Protein backbone atom coordinates (compact mmCIF):
# COMPACT_ATOMS: atom_id res chain seq x y z
CA MET A 1 191.58 133.47 -14.64
CA ILE A 2 190.75 130.06 -13.77
CA THR A 3 191.61 128.23 -10.38
CA VAL A 4 190.74 124.54 -9.63
CA THR A 5 191.81 123.46 -6.09
CA ASN A 6 191.91 119.88 -4.83
CA ALA A 7 189.53 118.67 -7.58
CA ASN A 8 188.26 115.12 -7.24
CA LYS A 9 185.97 113.10 -9.34
CA ASN A 10 185.40 109.35 -9.31
CA TYR A 11 183.39 106.91 -11.42
CA GLY A 12 182.95 104.10 -9.35
CA SER A 13 186.51 102.72 -8.16
CA PHE A 14 188.16 104.94 -11.02
CA ALA A 15 189.49 108.32 -9.92
CA ALA A 16 189.05 110.49 -12.76
CA LEU A 17 190.54 113.60 -10.82
CA ASP A 18 192.77 112.83 -7.83
CA ASN A 19 193.00 115.89 -5.91
CA VAL A 20 193.78 118.29 -8.67
CA SER A 21 194.88 122.00 -8.35
CA ILE A 22 195.89 124.31 -11.04
CA ASP A 23 196.03 127.77 -11.72
CA ILE A 24 195.34 128.93 -15.58
CA PRO A 25 196.64 132.43 -16.14
CA SER A 26 194.70 135.04 -17.84
CA GLY A 27 195.19 135.49 -21.46
CA GLU A 28 197.24 132.53 -22.09
CA LEU A 29 196.75 129.10 -24.02
CA THR A 30 197.28 126.19 -21.78
CA ALA A 31 197.28 122.86 -23.05
CA LEU A 32 196.24 119.73 -20.99
CA LEU A 33 198.27 116.84 -22.33
CA GLY A 34 198.12 113.22 -21.46
CA PRO A 35 197.21 109.94 -22.48
CA SER A 36 193.60 108.52 -22.74
CA GLY A 37 192.28 107.98 -19.28
CA SER A 38 194.78 110.55 -17.54
CA GLY A 39 191.78 112.82 -16.67
CA LYS A 40 192.25 115.75 -18.83
CA SER A 41 188.83 115.88 -20.34
CA THR A 42 187.24 115.53 -17.19
CA LEU A 43 189.20 118.45 -15.72
CA LEU A 44 188.21 120.51 -18.88
CA ARG A 45 184.49 119.38 -18.39
CA SER A 46 184.49 120.34 -14.69
CA ILE A 47 185.75 123.91 -15.79
CA ALA A 48 182.91 124.10 -17.93
CA GLY A 49 180.46 122.83 -15.76
CA LEU A 50 179.48 119.82 -17.86
CA GLU A 51 180.71 117.52 -15.06
CA SER A 52 180.12 117.95 -11.18
CA LEU A 53 182.84 117.38 -8.84
CA ASP A 54 182.74 115.07 -6.01
CA SER A 55 184.77 117.72 -4.06
CA GLY A 56 186.80 120.58 -4.99
CA ILE A 57 186.37 124.31 -6.07
CA VAL A 58 186.28 125.98 -9.53
CA THR A 59 186.65 129.53 -9.69
CA ILE A 60 186.67 131.87 -13.09
CA ALA A 61 187.60 135.43 -12.64
CA ASP A 62 187.56 135.06 -8.60
CA ARG A 63 184.10 133.62 -9.11
CA ASP A 64 183.23 130.47 -7.56
CA VAL A 65 181.48 128.90 -10.29
CA THR A 66 181.82 125.21 -8.56
CA ARG A 67 177.86 125.03 -8.40
CA VAL A 68 176.98 127.51 -11.27
CA PRO A 69 175.49 125.95 -14.52
CA PRO A 70 177.45 125.89 -17.73
CA GLN A 71 175.59 128.48 -19.51
CA LYS A 72 176.16 131.15 -16.50
CA ARG A 73 179.88 130.42 -16.32
CA ASP A 74 180.77 132.74 -19.57
CA ILE A 75 182.64 130.11 -21.36
CA GLY A 76 182.74 129.10 -25.16
CA PHE A 77 183.29 125.49 -25.71
CA VAL A 78 184.23 123.46 -28.78
CA PHE A 79 184.34 119.60 -29.11
CA GLN A 80 186.01 117.12 -31.25
CA HIS A 81 182.82 116.54 -33.18
CA TYR A 82 180.77 119.76 -33.48
CA ALA A 83 177.08 119.60 -33.84
CA ALA A 84 176.20 122.17 -36.26
CA PHE A 85 172.72 123.22 -37.17
CA LYS A 86 172.46 121.46 -40.37
CA HIS A 87 169.91 123.58 -41.58
CA MET A 88 171.26 126.95 -40.73
CA THR A 89 173.79 128.89 -42.98
CA VAL A 90 177.43 129.74 -41.48
CA ARG A 91 176.23 133.17 -40.83
CA ASP A 92 173.39 131.69 -38.69
CA ASN A 93 175.51 129.32 -36.90
CA VAL A 94 177.81 131.80 -35.80
CA ALA A 95 175.14 134.32 -34.96
CA PHE A 96 173.32 132.00 -32.94
CA GLY A 97 174.31 132.78 -29.28
CA LEU A 98 174.10 136.24 -29.73
CA GLN A 99 170.54 135.91 -31.24
CA ILE A 100 169.18 134.01 -28.14
CA ARG A 101 170.85 136.81 -26.16
CA LYS A 102 168.67 139.08 -28.27
CA ARG A 103 171.50 141.45 -29.27
CA PRO A 104 170.82 144.03 -31.91
CA LYS A 105 170.83 143.11 -35.52
CA PRO A 106 173.52 145.54 -36.63
CA GLU A 107 175.48 144.65 -33.49
CA ILE A 108 175.10 140.72 -34.46
CA LYS A 109 176.07 141.29 -38.16
CA LYS A 110 179.16 143.41 -37.48
CA ARG A 111 180.44 140.72 -35.02
CA VAL A 112 179.71 137.70 -36.98
CA ASP A 113 181.45 139.42 -40.20
CA GLU A 114 184.38 140.34 -37.93
CA LEU A 115 184.70 136.88 -36.70
CA LEU A 116 184.33 135.15 -40.38
CA GLU A 117 187.13 137.27 -41.46
CA ILE A 118 189.40 136.54 -38.37
CA VAL A 119 188.80 132.68 -38.70
CA GLY A 120 189.16 132.57 -42.68
CA LEU A 121 185.52 131.88 -43.41
CA ASP A 122 184.86 135.41 -45.20
CA GLY A 123 182.86 134.49 -48.44
CA PHE A 124 181.49 131.21 -46.79
CA GLN A 125 178.59 133.13 -45.01
CA HIS A 126 175.72 131.77 -47.19
CA ARG A 127 177.08 127.82 -47.03
CA TYR A 128 175.74 125.12 -44.99
CA PRO A 129 177.94 122.79 -42.83
CA ALA A 130 177.55 120.13 -45.16
CA GLN A 131 179.43 122.28 -48.00
CA LEU A 132 182.37 122.79 -45.64
CA SER A 133 185.54 120.65 -44.91
CA GLY A 134 186.05 119.38 -41.48
CA GLY A 135 188.61 122.12 -41.14
CA GLN A 136 186.33 124.70 -42.00
CA ARG A 137 183.48 123.24 -39.71
CA GLN A 138 185.84 123.68 -36.74
CA ARG A 139 186.91 127.12 -37.97
CA MET A 140 182.88 127.91 -37.74
CA ALA A 141 182.71 126.05 -34.40
CA LEU A 142 185.40 128.28 -32.99
CA ALA A 143 183.66 131.69 -34.47
CA ARG A 144 180.39 130.64 -32.82
CA ALA A 145 182.08 130.06 -29.41
CA LEU A 146 183.78 133.43 -29.76
CA ALA A 147 180.93 135.09 -30.85
CA VAL A 148 179.29 135.60 -27.43
CA ASP A 149 182.80 137.29 -26.30
CA PRO A 150 183.23 134.70 -23.37
CA GLN A 151 186.02 135.18 -20.79
CA VAL A 152 187.15 131.61 -21.23
CA LEU A 153 187.55 129.27 -24.43
CA LEU A 154 187.60 125.51 -23.69
CA LEU A 155 188.78 123.14 -26.54
CA ASP A 156 188.23 119.35 -26.19
CA GLU A 157 190.59 117.72 -28.85
CA PRO A 158 189.00 120.44 -31.52
CA PHE A 159 191.12 118.90 -34.20
CA GLY A 160 191.24 115.27 -33.08
CA ALA A 161 188.94 113.90 -35.82
CA LEU A 162 190.87 115.52 -39.07
CA ASP A 163 193.79 114.27 -40.92
CA ALA A 164 197.31 115.04 -40.02
CA LYS A 165 197.94 117.77 -42.45
CA VAL A 166 194.61 119.84 -41.87
CA ARG A 167 195.59 119.36 -37.94
CA THR A 168 198.93 121.11 -38.81
CA ASP A 169 197.76 123.80 -40.37
CA LEU A 170 194.77 124.62 -37.83
CA ARG A 171 197.11 124.58 -35.03
CA LYS A 172 199.23 127.25 -36.41
CA TRP A 173 196.13 129.07 -37.32
CA LEU A 174 194.83 128.65 -33.63
CA ARG A 175 198.16 130.06 -32.50
CA ARG A 176 197.61 133.17 -34.57
CA LEU A 177 194.04 133.40 -33.65
CA HIS A 178 194.69 133.30 -30.04
CA ASP A 179 197.70 135.90 -30.39
CA GLU A 180 195.08 138.25 -32.00
CA VAL A 181 191.75 137.58 -29.72
CA HIS A 182 193.87 136.82 -26.45
CA VAL A 183 191.06 135.05 -24.73
CA THR A 184 192.00 132.68 -21.77
CA THR A 185 192.04 129.49 -23.75
CA VAL A 186 192.30 125.75 -22.42
CA LEU A 187 193.11 122.91 -25.14
CA VAL A 188 192.83 119.30 -24.25
CA THR A 189 195.01 117.25 -26.36
CA HIS A 190 197.01 113.99 -26.36
CA ASP A 191 199.21 115.06 -29.37
CA GLN A 192 202.34 116.27 -27.62
CA GLU A 193 203.64 118.06 -30.81
CA GLU A 194 200.10 120.15 -30.73
CA ALA A 195 200.63 121.44 -27.27
CA LEU A 196 204.38 122.16 -27.69
CA ASP A 197 203.39 124.04 -30.87
CA VAL A 198 200.49 126.36 -29.69
CA ALA A 199 200.55 126.41 -25.80
CA ASP A 200 202.03 129.00 -23.55
CA LYS A 201 201.69 126.44 -20.62
CA ILE A 202 201.60 122.60 -20.68
CA ALA A 203 200.05 120.61 -17.77
CA VAL A 204 201.19 117.22 -18.17
CA MET A 205 198.61 114.62 -16.78
CA ASN A 206 198.62 110.95 -15.90
CA LYS A 207 195.84 108.67 -13.94
CA GLY A 208 194.02 111.78 -12.52
CA ARG A 209 197.15 113.87 -11.37
CA ILE A 210 198.86 116.77 -12.77
CA GLU A 211 202.60 115.72 -13.00
CA GLN A 212 204.18 118.93 -14.14
CA VAL A 213 203.06 122.27 -15.28
CA GLY A 214 205.25 124.74 -17.30
CA THR A 215 206.13 126.28 -20.48
CA PRO A 216 206.85 123.96 -23.45
CA ALA A 217 210.62 124.25 -23.12
CA ASP A 218 210.40 123.63 -19.22
CA VAL A 219 208.36 120.48 -19.82
CA TYR A 220 210.49 119.19 -22.65
CA ASP A 221 213.95 120.17 -21.35
CA LYS A 222 213.48 119.98 -17.53
CA PRO A 223 210.83 117.34 -17.10
CA ALA A 224 209.70 116.34 -13.67
CA ASN A 225 209.97 112.78 -13.81
CA GLU A 226 210.35 109.69 -16.32
CA PHE A 227 206.72 109.96 -17.15
CA VAL A 228 206.73 113.55 -18.47
CA MET A 229 209.95 112.97 -20.48
CA SER A 230 208.63 109.64 -22.37
CA PHE A 231 205.33 111.22 -22.97
CA LEU A 232 207.00 114.56 -24.37
CA GLY A 233 208.80 112.98 -27.07
CA ASP A 234 210.88 109.99 -28.04
CA VAL A 235 213.27 108.64 -25.25
CA ALA A 236 216.49 106.09 -25.49
CA LYS A 237 217.82 104.37 -22.76
CA LEU A 238 221.80 104.68 -22.80
CA ASN A 239 223.70 103.38 -20.12
CA GLY A 240 220.86 103.55 -17.51
CA HIS A 241 220.09 107.09 -18.60
CA LEU A 242 217.02 108.12 -20.62
CA VAL A 243 218.04 110.60 -23.20
CA ARG A 244 216.31 112.13 -26.27
CA PRO A 245 217.44 110.44 -29.50
CA HIS A 246 218.54 113.66 -31.05
CA ASP A 247 221.06 114.30 -28.03
CA ILE A 248 222.87 111.07 -28.85
CA ARG A 249 226.00 111.84 -31.10
CA VAL A 250 227.18 109.10 -33.39
CA GLY A 251 230.70 108.72 -34.71
CA ARG A 252 232.58 106.11 -36.56
CA ASP A 253 235.51 106.00 -34.16
CA PRO A 254 235.53 107.05 -30.22
CA SER A 255 236.82 110.58 -31.07
CA MET A 256 234.12 111.43 -33.65
CA ALA A 257 231.72 111.03 -30.83
CA LEU A 258 233.25 113.87 -28.91
CA ALA A 259 233.62 117.50 -29.15
CA LYS A 260 237.03 118.77 -28.53
CA HIS A 261 236.42 120.09 -24.86
CA GLU A 262 234.64 117.04 -23.77
CA GLY A 263 237.79 115.03 -22.66
CA THR A 264 238.82 111.44 -23.56
CA ALA A 265 236.11 108.82 -24.96
CA ALA A 266 236.36 106.85 -21.39
CA SER A 267 235.63 110.14 -19.21
CA ALA A 268 232.99 111.20 -21.44
CA GLY A 269 231.25 107.77 -21.43
CA VAL A 270 231.46 107.06 -25.26
CA THR A 271 229.81 103.34 -26.09
CA ARG A 272 230.19 101.03 -28.82
CA ALA A 273 227.20 100.19 -30.63
CA THR A 274 225.86 98.13 -33.61
CA VAL A 275 223.57 99.54 -36.23
CA GLU A 276 220.56 97.38 -36.52
CA ARG A 277 218.64 99.50 -38.81
CA VAL A 278 218.48 102.98 -40.70
CA VAL A 279 215.27 104.56 -41.25
CA HIS A 280 215.17 107.61 -43.55
CA LEU A 281 212.31 110.17 -42.15
CA GLY A 282 212.90 113.15 -44.55
CA PHE A 283 215.42 115.45 -43.42
CA GLU A 284 215.94 113.36 -40.12
CA VAL A 285 217.16 109.85 -39.84
CA ARG A 286 216.56 107.09 -37.27
CA VAL A 287 219.57 104.83 -36.42
CA GLU A 288 218.50 101.70 -34.43
CA LEU A 289 221.13 100.41 -32.57
CA LYS A 290 222.62 97.87 -30.06
CA ASN A 291 224.76 98.64 -27.13
CA ALA A 292 227.59 96.28 -27.69
CA ALA A 293 228.21 95.58 -23.97
CA THR A 294 224.83 95.06 -22.72
CA GLY A 295 222.81 94.10 -25.74
CA ASP A 296 220.10 96.96 -25.10
CA LEU A 297 218.28 98.62 -28.03
CA PHE A 298 218.20 102.09 -28.50
CA THR A 299 217.43 104.79 -31.00
CA ALA A 300 219.58 107.96 -31.93
CA GLN A 301 218.24 110.60 -34.39
CA VAL A 302 220.77 112.19 -36.88
CA THR A 303 220.39 114.89 -39.66
CA ARG A 304 220.52 113.20 -43.27
CA GLY A 305 223.62 115.05 -43.77
CA ASP A 306 225.26 113.33 -40.92
CA ALA A 307 223.99 109.92 -41.84
CA GLU A 308 225.33 110.13 -45.44
CA ALA A 309 228.73 111.71 -44.05
CA LEU A 310 229.05 108.48 -41.86
CA HIS A 311 227.66 106.07 -44.52
CA LEU A 312 225.66 104.14 -41.97
CA ALA A 313 224.41 100.83 -42.55
CA SER A 314 223.06 97.79 -40.65
CA GLY A 315 225.67 95.42 -39.08
CA GLU A 316 228.24 98.04 -38.73
CA THR A 317 229.97 99.27 -35.79
CA VAL A 318 229.89 102.73 -34.21
CA PHE A 319 230.41 104.92 -31.25
CA VAL A 320 228.00 106.96 -29.20
CA ARG A 321 227.46 109.31 -26.50
CA ALA A 322 224.68 111.16 -24.69
CA THR A 323 225.36 114.83 -25.35
CA ARG A 324 222.75 115.79 -22.55
CA ILE A 325 221.21 113.80 -19.79
CA PRO A 326 218.11 115.31 -18.06
CA ASP A 327 218.57 115.46 -14.28
CA LEU A 328 215.50 113.33 -13.52
CA PRO A 329 214.87 112.80 -9.76
CA THR A 330 215.42 109.12 -8.56
CA ALA A 331 212.41 106.64 -7.67
């Protein structure tokens, strides 16, 4: 549905996009994930036509739109801070795009009613934006963007200004909404959990380049490099290897850190460590450790049940090993 080829965008000496190419499949939800300044919003705005590329090509549905203005690209766009028409009701805000396209009134009413039901705002038609919560305003924004039946929906950190609980609820809702309407969607986010939760594909960006594109399972379990691994969740360094904290087994003696089929403690790489701190995070427990041989600090993540069974406490000696080490390319 969307193809970006050799896109470059510079602001003075800063390369916001550095020869970026990506294919975004029709009907899928693709997340552009990366830290601030990685180029994800610049890429999204270039697809929208809100930024002009220094060089490169953008096509939407096999149509070259590189020099086409935003209003003629057949897109819907939702920003982090949505500027609603404050003097207009929810119904009129959602209907606005259809009204300026001079669609028949019965068609507008039917479409708006359908969308308000889909986004969970049925019954809020006559309220004004000031009477809605932040989450409800973003739902209205999405309904308004979808009202004109765009080929592409572009979302620039749409839940970034909301609190954690509302964000969690809305991203679950966004996934259900996408499964219902199937519009090709591109979501910009710096929230790894959000990308892993809602996206069909994730493009991880860093310093104006795309580091890896893949399914959530691919980029998490088979990271292309250390940056991708580190950005998509916590990492610990154990015996020179980057590992996920939840892939570190902790035992009271060397044999407890092994499964029956894993050989001897020496052959499996069991390491002695000292417990520095035990942090309870609900169901999970973070165990901060020091490698007895090297003095390096690292973290393991275990279940509360395992932590209670092991009676972990600061200052005690335990034995650890990595149960899974990603095959990262060497520098």
